[in-house]
């Protein structure tokens, strides 16, 4: 099978996923905190998400 850019990216993504899955399972559950802030440049409120471990 010739190594094309698409197959290289697919193989790389698979290798990264195999290594990352056990780390994600051991990590403590993270909470997503949603905060509304006033953005002066928009002149309106904006939602900002932050991940808290």
PDB file of N, CA and C in Angstrom:
ATOM      1  N   UNK A   1       0.850  -1.175   0.000  1.00  0.00           N
ATOM      2  CA  UNK A   1       0.000   0.000   0.000  1.00  0.00           C
ATOM      3  C   UNK A   1       0.896   1.238   0.000  1.00  0.00           C
ATOM      4  N   UNK A   2       0.727   2.113  -0.978  1.00  0.00           N
ATOM      5  CA  UNK A   2       1.557   3.323  -1.015  1.00  0.00           C
ATOM      6  C   UNK A   2       1.150   4.286   0.099  1.00  0.00           C
ATOM      7  N   UNK A   3       2.123   4.967   0.621  1.00  0.00           N
ATOM      8  CA  UNK A   3       1.873   5.907   1.713  1.00  0.00           C
ATOM      9  C   UNK A   3       1.527   7.265   1.121  1.00  0.00           C
ATOM     10  N   UNK A   4       0.264   7.625   1.202  1.00  0.00           N
ATOM     11  CA  UNK A   4      -0.185   8.934   0.731  1.00  0.00           C
ATOM     12  C   UNK A   4      -0.346   9.857   1.926  1.00  0.00           C
ATOM     13  N   UNK A   5      -0.579  11.095   1.634  1.00  0.00           N
ATOM     14  CA  UNK A   5      -0.757  12.063   2.720  1.00  0.00           C
ATOM     15  C   UNK A   5      -1.973  11.688   3.566  1.00  0.00           C
ATOM     16  N   UNK A   6      -3.052  11.264   2.913  1.00  0.00           N
ATOM     17  CA  UNK A   6      -4.273  10.917   3.640  1.00  0.00           C
ATOM     18  C   UNK A   6      -4.058   9.695   4.535  1.00  0.00           C
ATOM     19  N   UNK A   7      -3.384   8.675   4.004  1.00  0.00           N
ATOM     20  CA  UNK A   7      -3.156   7.482   4.827  1.00  0.00           C
ATOM     21  C   UNK A   7      -2.173   7.767   5.961  1.00  0.00           C
ATOM     22  N   UNK A   8      -1.194   8.654   5.721  1.00  0.00           N
ATOM     23  CA  UNK A   8      -0.262   9.030   6.781  1.00  0.00           C
ATOM     24  C   UNK A   8      -0.991   9.757   7.906  1.00  0.00           C
ATOM     25  N   UNK A   9      -1.873  10.692   7.546  1.00  0.00           N
ATOM     26  CA  UNK A   9      -2.628  11.417   8.568  1.00  0.00           C
ATOM     27  C   UNK A   9      -3.561  10.490   9.332  1.00  0.00           C
ATOM     28  N   UNK A  10      -4.180   9.541   8.637  1.00  0.00           N
ATOM     29  CA  UNK A  10      -5.068   8.600   9.300  1.00  0.00           C
ATOM     30  C   UNK A  10      -4.290   7.713  10.272  1.00  0.00           C
ATOM     31  N   UNK A  11      -3.126   7.243   9.844  1.00  0.00           N
ATOM     32  CA  UNK A  11      -2.307   6.393  10.713  1.00  0.00           C
ATOM     33  C   UNK A  11      -1.800   7.183  11.922  1.00  0.00           C
ATOM     34  N   UNK A  12      -1.405   8.427  11.702  1.00  0.00           N
ATOM     35  CA  UNK A  12      -0.930   9.271  12.808  1.00  0.00           C
ATOM     36  C   UNK A  12      -2.049   9.534  13.810  1.00  0.00           C
ATOM     37  N   UNK A  13      -3.239   9.835  13.308  1.00  0.00           N
ATOM     38  CA  UNK A  13      -4.372  10.090  14.197  1.00  0.00           C
ATOM     39  C   UNK A  13      -4.719   8.839  14.995  1.00  0.00           C
ATOM     40  N   UNK A  14      -4.643   7.693  14.375  1.00  0.00           N
ATOM     41  CA  UNK A  14      -4.911   6.446  15.087  1.00  0.00           C
ATOM     42  C   UNK A  14      -3.898   6.181  16.179  1.00  0.00           C
ATOM     43  N   UNK A  15      -2.631   6.447  15.889  1.00  0.00           N
ATOM     44  CA  UNK A  15      -1.581   6.231  16.886  1.00  0.00           C
ATOM     45  C   UNK A  15      -1.742   7.186  18.067  1.00  0.00           C
ATOM     46  N   UNK A  16      -2.085   8.422  17.778  1.00  0.00           N
ATOM     47  CA  UNK A  16      -2.288   9.402  18.856  1.00  0.00           C
ATOM     48  C   UNK A  16      -3.485   9.001  19.704  1.00  0.00           C
ATOM     49  N   UNK A  17      -4.549   8.534  19.066  1.00  0.00           N
ATOM     50  CA  UNK A  17      -5.749   8.134  19.812  1.00  0.00           C
ATOM     51  C   UNK A  17      -5.458   6.950  20.725  1.00  0.00           C
ATOM     52  N   UNK A  18      -4.682   5.999  20.250  1.00  0.00           N
ATOM     53  CA  UNK A  18      -4.355   4.821  21.064  1.00  0.00           C
ATOM     54  C   UNK A  18      -3.548   5.221  22.293  1.00  0.00           C
ATOM     55  N   UNK A  19      -2.660   6.190  22.132  1.00  0.00           N
ATOM     56  CA  UNK A  19      -1.850   6.621  23.278  1.00  0.00           C
ATOM     57  C   UNK A  19      -2.617   7.532  24.216  1.00  0.00           C
ATOM     58  N   UNK A  20      -3.570   8.319  23.705  1.00  0.00           N
ATOM     59  CA  UNK A  20      -4.261   9.322  24.517  1.00  0.00           C
ATOM     60  C   UNK A  20      -5.430   8.739  25.300  1.00  0.00           C
ATOM     61  N   UNK A  21      -6.060   7.677  24.820  1.00  0.00           N
ATOM     62  CA  UNK A  21      -7.262   7.150  25.480  1.00  0.00           C
ATOM     63  C   UNK A  21      -6.987   6.715  26.914  1.00  0.00           C
ATOM     64  N   UNK A  22      -5.930   5.957  27.220  1.00  0.00           N
ATOM     65  CA  UNK A  22      -5.704   5.588  28.625  1.00  0.00           C
ATOM     66  C   UNK A  22      -5.439   6.801  29.531  1.00  0.00           C
ATOM     67  N   UNK A  23      -4.793   7.814  29.008  1.00  0.00           N
ATOM     68  CA  UNK A  23      -4.517   9.014  29.805  1.00  0.00           C
ATOM     69  C   UNK A  23      -5.811   9.728  30.136  1.00  0.00           C
ATOM     70  N   UNK A  24      -6.719   9.809  29.183  1.00  0.00           N
ATOM     71  CA  UNK A  24      -7.994  10.492  29.411  1.00  0.00           C
ATOM     72  C   UNK A  24      -8.825   9.722  30.420  1.00  0.00           C
ATOM     73  N   UNK A  25      -8.779   8.409  30.392  1.00  0.00           N
ATOM     74  CA  UNK A  25      -9.568   7.616  31.328  1.00  0.00           C
ATOM     75  C   UNK A  25      -9.058   7.757  32.758  1.00  0.00           C
ATOM     76  N   UNK A  26      -7.756   7.943  32.953  1.00  0.00           N
ATOM     77  CA  UNK A  26      -7.203   8.085  34.306  1.00  0.00           C
ATOM     78  C   UNK A  26      -7.378   9.487  34.859  1.00  0.00           C
ATOM     79  N   UNK A  27      -7.498  10.468  33.993  1.00  0.00           N
ATOM     80  CA  UNK A  27      -7.579  11.859  34.438  1.00  0.00           C
ATOM     81  C   UNK A  27      -8.886  12.089  35.194  1.00  0.00           C
ATOM     82  N   UNK A  28      -8.857  12.948  36.214  1.00  0.00           N
ATOM     83  CA  UNK A  28     -10.093  13.250  36.926  1.00  0.00           C
ATOM     84  C   UNK A  28     -11.074  13.980  36.015  1.00  0.00           C
ATOM     85  N   UNK A  29     -12.344  13.828  36.308  1.00  0.00           N
ATOM     86  CA  UNK A  29     -13.370  14.455  35.489  1.00  0.00           C
ATOM     87  C   UNK A  29     -13.262  15.970  35.594  1.00  0.00           C
ATOM     88  N   UNK A  30     -13.328  16.615  34.455  1.00  0.00           N
ATOM     89  CA  UNK A  30     -13.243  18.071  34.411  1.00  0.00           C
ATOM     90  C   UNK A  30     -14.650  18.661  34.318  1.00  0.00           C
ATOM     91  N   UNK A  31     -14.811  19.836  34.892  1.00  0.00           N
ATOM     92  CA  UNK A  31     -16.091  20.543  34.797  1.00  0.00           C
ATOM     93  C   UNK A  31     -15.929  21.711  33.847  1.00  0.00           C
ATOM     94  N   UNK A  32     -16.971  21.998  33.103  1.00  0.00           N
ATOM     95  CA  UNK A  32     -16.966  23.148  32.204  1.00  0.00           C
ATOM     96  C   UNK A  32     -17.776  24.244  32.873  1.00  0.00           C
ATOM     97  N   UNK A  33     -17.137  25.384  33.093  1.00  0.00           N
ATOM     98  CA  UNK A  33     -17.804  26.518  33.718  1.00  0.00           C
ATOM     99  C   UNK A  33     -18.115  27.527  32.621  1.00  0.00           C
ATOM    100  N   UNK A  34     -19.375  27.897  32.518  1.00  0.00           N
ATOM    101  CA  UNK A  34     -19.811  28.858  31.514  1.00  0.00           C
ATOM    102  C   UNK A  34     -20.051  30.186  32.206  1.00  0.00           C
ATOM    103  N   UNK A  35     -19.416  31.230  31.689  1.00  0.00           N
ATOM    104  CA  UNK A  35     -19.524  32.548  32.307  1.00  0.00           C
ATOM    105  C   UNK A  35     -19.918  33.554  31.233  1.00  0.00           C
ATOM    106  N   UNK A  36     -20.802  34.478  31.562  1.00  0.00           N
ATOM    107  CA  UNK A  36     -21.168  35.540  30.638  1.00  0.00           C
ATOM    108  C   UNK A  36     -20.358  36.779  30.975  1.00  0.00           C
ATOM    109  N   UNK A  37     -19.715  37.354  29.971  1.00  0.00           N
ATOM    110  CA  UNK A  37     -18.917  38.560  30.174  1.00  0.00           C
ATOM    111  C   UNK A  37     -19.338  39.591  29.144  1.00  0.00           C
ATOM    112  N   UNK A  38     -19.134  40.864  29.480  1.00  0.00           N
ATOM    113  CA  UNK A  38     -19.456  41.938  28.551  1.00  0.00           C
ATOM    114  C   UNK A  38     -18.241  42.214  27.678  1.00  0.00           C
ATOM    115  N   UNK A  39     -18.405  42.114  26.383  1.00  0.00           N
ATOM    116  CA  UNK A  39     -17.328  42.356  25.430  1.00  0.00           C
ATOM    117  C   UNK A  39     -17.512  43.754  24.864  1.00  0.00           C
ATOM    118  N   UNK A  40     -16.585  44.665  25.195  1.00  0.00           N
ATOM    119  CA  UNK A  40     -16.713  46.053  24.743  1.00  0.00           C
ATOM    120  C   UNK A  40     -16.610  46.181  23.233  1.00  0.00           C
ATOM    121  N   UNK A  41     -15.767  45.342  22.602  1.00  0.00           N
ATOM    122  CA  UNK A  41     -15.602  45.447  21.157  1.00  0.00           C
ATOM    123  C   UNK A  41     -16.870  45.022  20.413  1.00  0.00           C
ATOM    124  N   UNK A  42     -17.604  44.050  20.964  1.00  0.00           N
ATOM    125  CA  UNK A  42     -18.861  43.627  20.351  1.00  0.00           C
ATOM    126  C   UNK A  42     -20.026  44.507  20.806  1.00  0.00           C
ATOM    127  N   UNK A  43     -19.892  45.074  21.986  1.00  0.00           N
ATOM    128  CA  UNK A  43     -20.984  45.848  22.542  1.00  0.00           C
ATOM    129  C   UNK A  43     -22.116  44.957  23.033  1.00  0.00           C
ATOM    130  N   UNK A  44     -21.779  43.732  23.410  1.00  0.00           N
ATOM    131  CA  UNK A  44     -22.796  42.780  23.837  1.00  0.00           C
ATOM    132  C   UNK A  44     -22.180  41.775  24.801  1.00  0.00           C
ATOM    133  N   UNK A  45     -23.053  40.963  25.382  1.00  0.00           N
ATOM    134  CA  UNK A  45     -22.586  39.906  26.269  1.00  0.00           C
ATOM    135  C   UNK A  45     -22.069  38.742  25.428  1.00  0.00           C
ATOM    136  N   UNK A  46     -21.097  38.022  25.988  1.00  0.00           N
ATOM    137  CA  UNK A  46     -20.480  36.895  25.293  1.00  0.00           C
ATOM    138  C   UNK A  46     -20.279  35.778  26.296  1.00  0.00           C
ATOM    139  N   UNK A  47     -20.481  34.540  25.851  1.00  0.00           N
ATOM    140  CA  UNK A  47     -20.297  33.381  26.709  1.00  0.00           C
ATOM    141  C   UNK A  47     -18.850  32.908  26.609  1.00  0.00           C
ATOM    142  N   UNK A  48     -18.220  32.639  27.767  1.00  0.00           N
ATOM    143  CA  UNK A  48     -16.848  32.151  27.822  1.00  0.00           C
ATOM    144  C   UNK A  48     -16.846  30.845  28.601  1.00  0.00           C
ATOM    145  N   UNK A  49     -16.323  29.793  27.972  1.00  0.00           N
ATOM    146  CA  UNK A  49     -16.234  28.491  28.636  1.00  0.00           C
ATOM    147  C   UNK A  49     -14.839  28.311  29.198  1.00  0.00           C
ATOM    148  N   UNK A  50     -14.773  27.717  30.396  1.00  0.00           N
ATOM    149  CA  UNK A  50     -13.492  27.424  31.023  1.00  0.00           C
ATOM    150  C   UNK A  50     -13.547  26.032  31.613  1.00  0.00           C
ATOM    151  N   UNK A  51     -12.502  25.254  31.417  1.00  0.00           N
ATOM    152  CA  UNK A  51     -12.459  23.900  31.942  1.00  0.00           C
ATOM    153  C   UNK A  51     -11.747  23.926  33.282  1.00  0.00           C
ATOM    154  N   UNK A  52     -12.426  23.410  34.321  1.00  0.00           N
ATOM    155  CA  UNK A  52     -11.876  23.385  35.671  1.00  0.00           C
ATOM    156  C   UNK A  52     -11.702  21.923  36.061  1.00  0.00           C
ATOM    157  N   UNK A  53     -10.523  21.564  36.521  1.00  0.00           N
ATOM    158  CA  UNK A  53     -10.282  20.173  36.929  1.00  0.00           C
ATOM    159  C   UNK A  53     -10.472  20.006  38.403  1.00  0.00           C
TER     160      UNK A  53
END
